[in-house]
Amino acid sequence: MTSVYLSIGSNLGRRELFLMHARQLLDAQAGRLLQASSIYETAAWSMGKAGAFLNQVVMLHTELSPEALLHTCLDIERRLGRTRAAKAADGYMSRTCDIDILLYGDAVIASPELLVPHPGIAARRFVLVPLVEIAGTGRHPESGETLIHLLATCKDQTEVQKWGSPTAT
């Protein structure tokens, strides 16, 4: 069994239901879901005026290979209504469900299909805040930095607010 951390997000429709369904499907198809961070709301990162995202990080134990996990995540996104079309001019599109593999144990993977650890971890507060909540003392497999340190030194100043909470982090 390998411990993996996945980021899930949604900025279309009933966002909280898409996160719930993603968690359920991940638990049923990808491995045993062991932890889930709080849900956070953030402005759509690098997406202009798109609707705000709900984001969450989950940790699960899986027996799937990294590539099989990727394909399972892509299948779950499709089942939850995500369509992949040409990217918008700013590089991103709104979506019902987005699942990214952040960490796959201590593995460093660079294939045409998959990069792990996710290359955007250190640059995105909407990923780091929930990741630190459930794995703050963990280390980035390439840099060796703690996830807490990555959050403290992150240049992204996007407001990350616990969903349903008036206090931003």
Foldseek 3Di string as FASTA:
>chain_A
DWKWKKKKKAFDDPTVVLVVLLVVLCCVPFAHWDDKFFWKWFQPPLPPRGGIMIMIMTMGDGPDDPVVNVVSQVVSQVVQPFDDDPADPSGHDGGSMDMDTQATHLDADDDPVDGPNPPCLLADLSNLVNCCRVQQQDARSPPRHGSVVSNVPHPDPTWIGRPPDPDTD
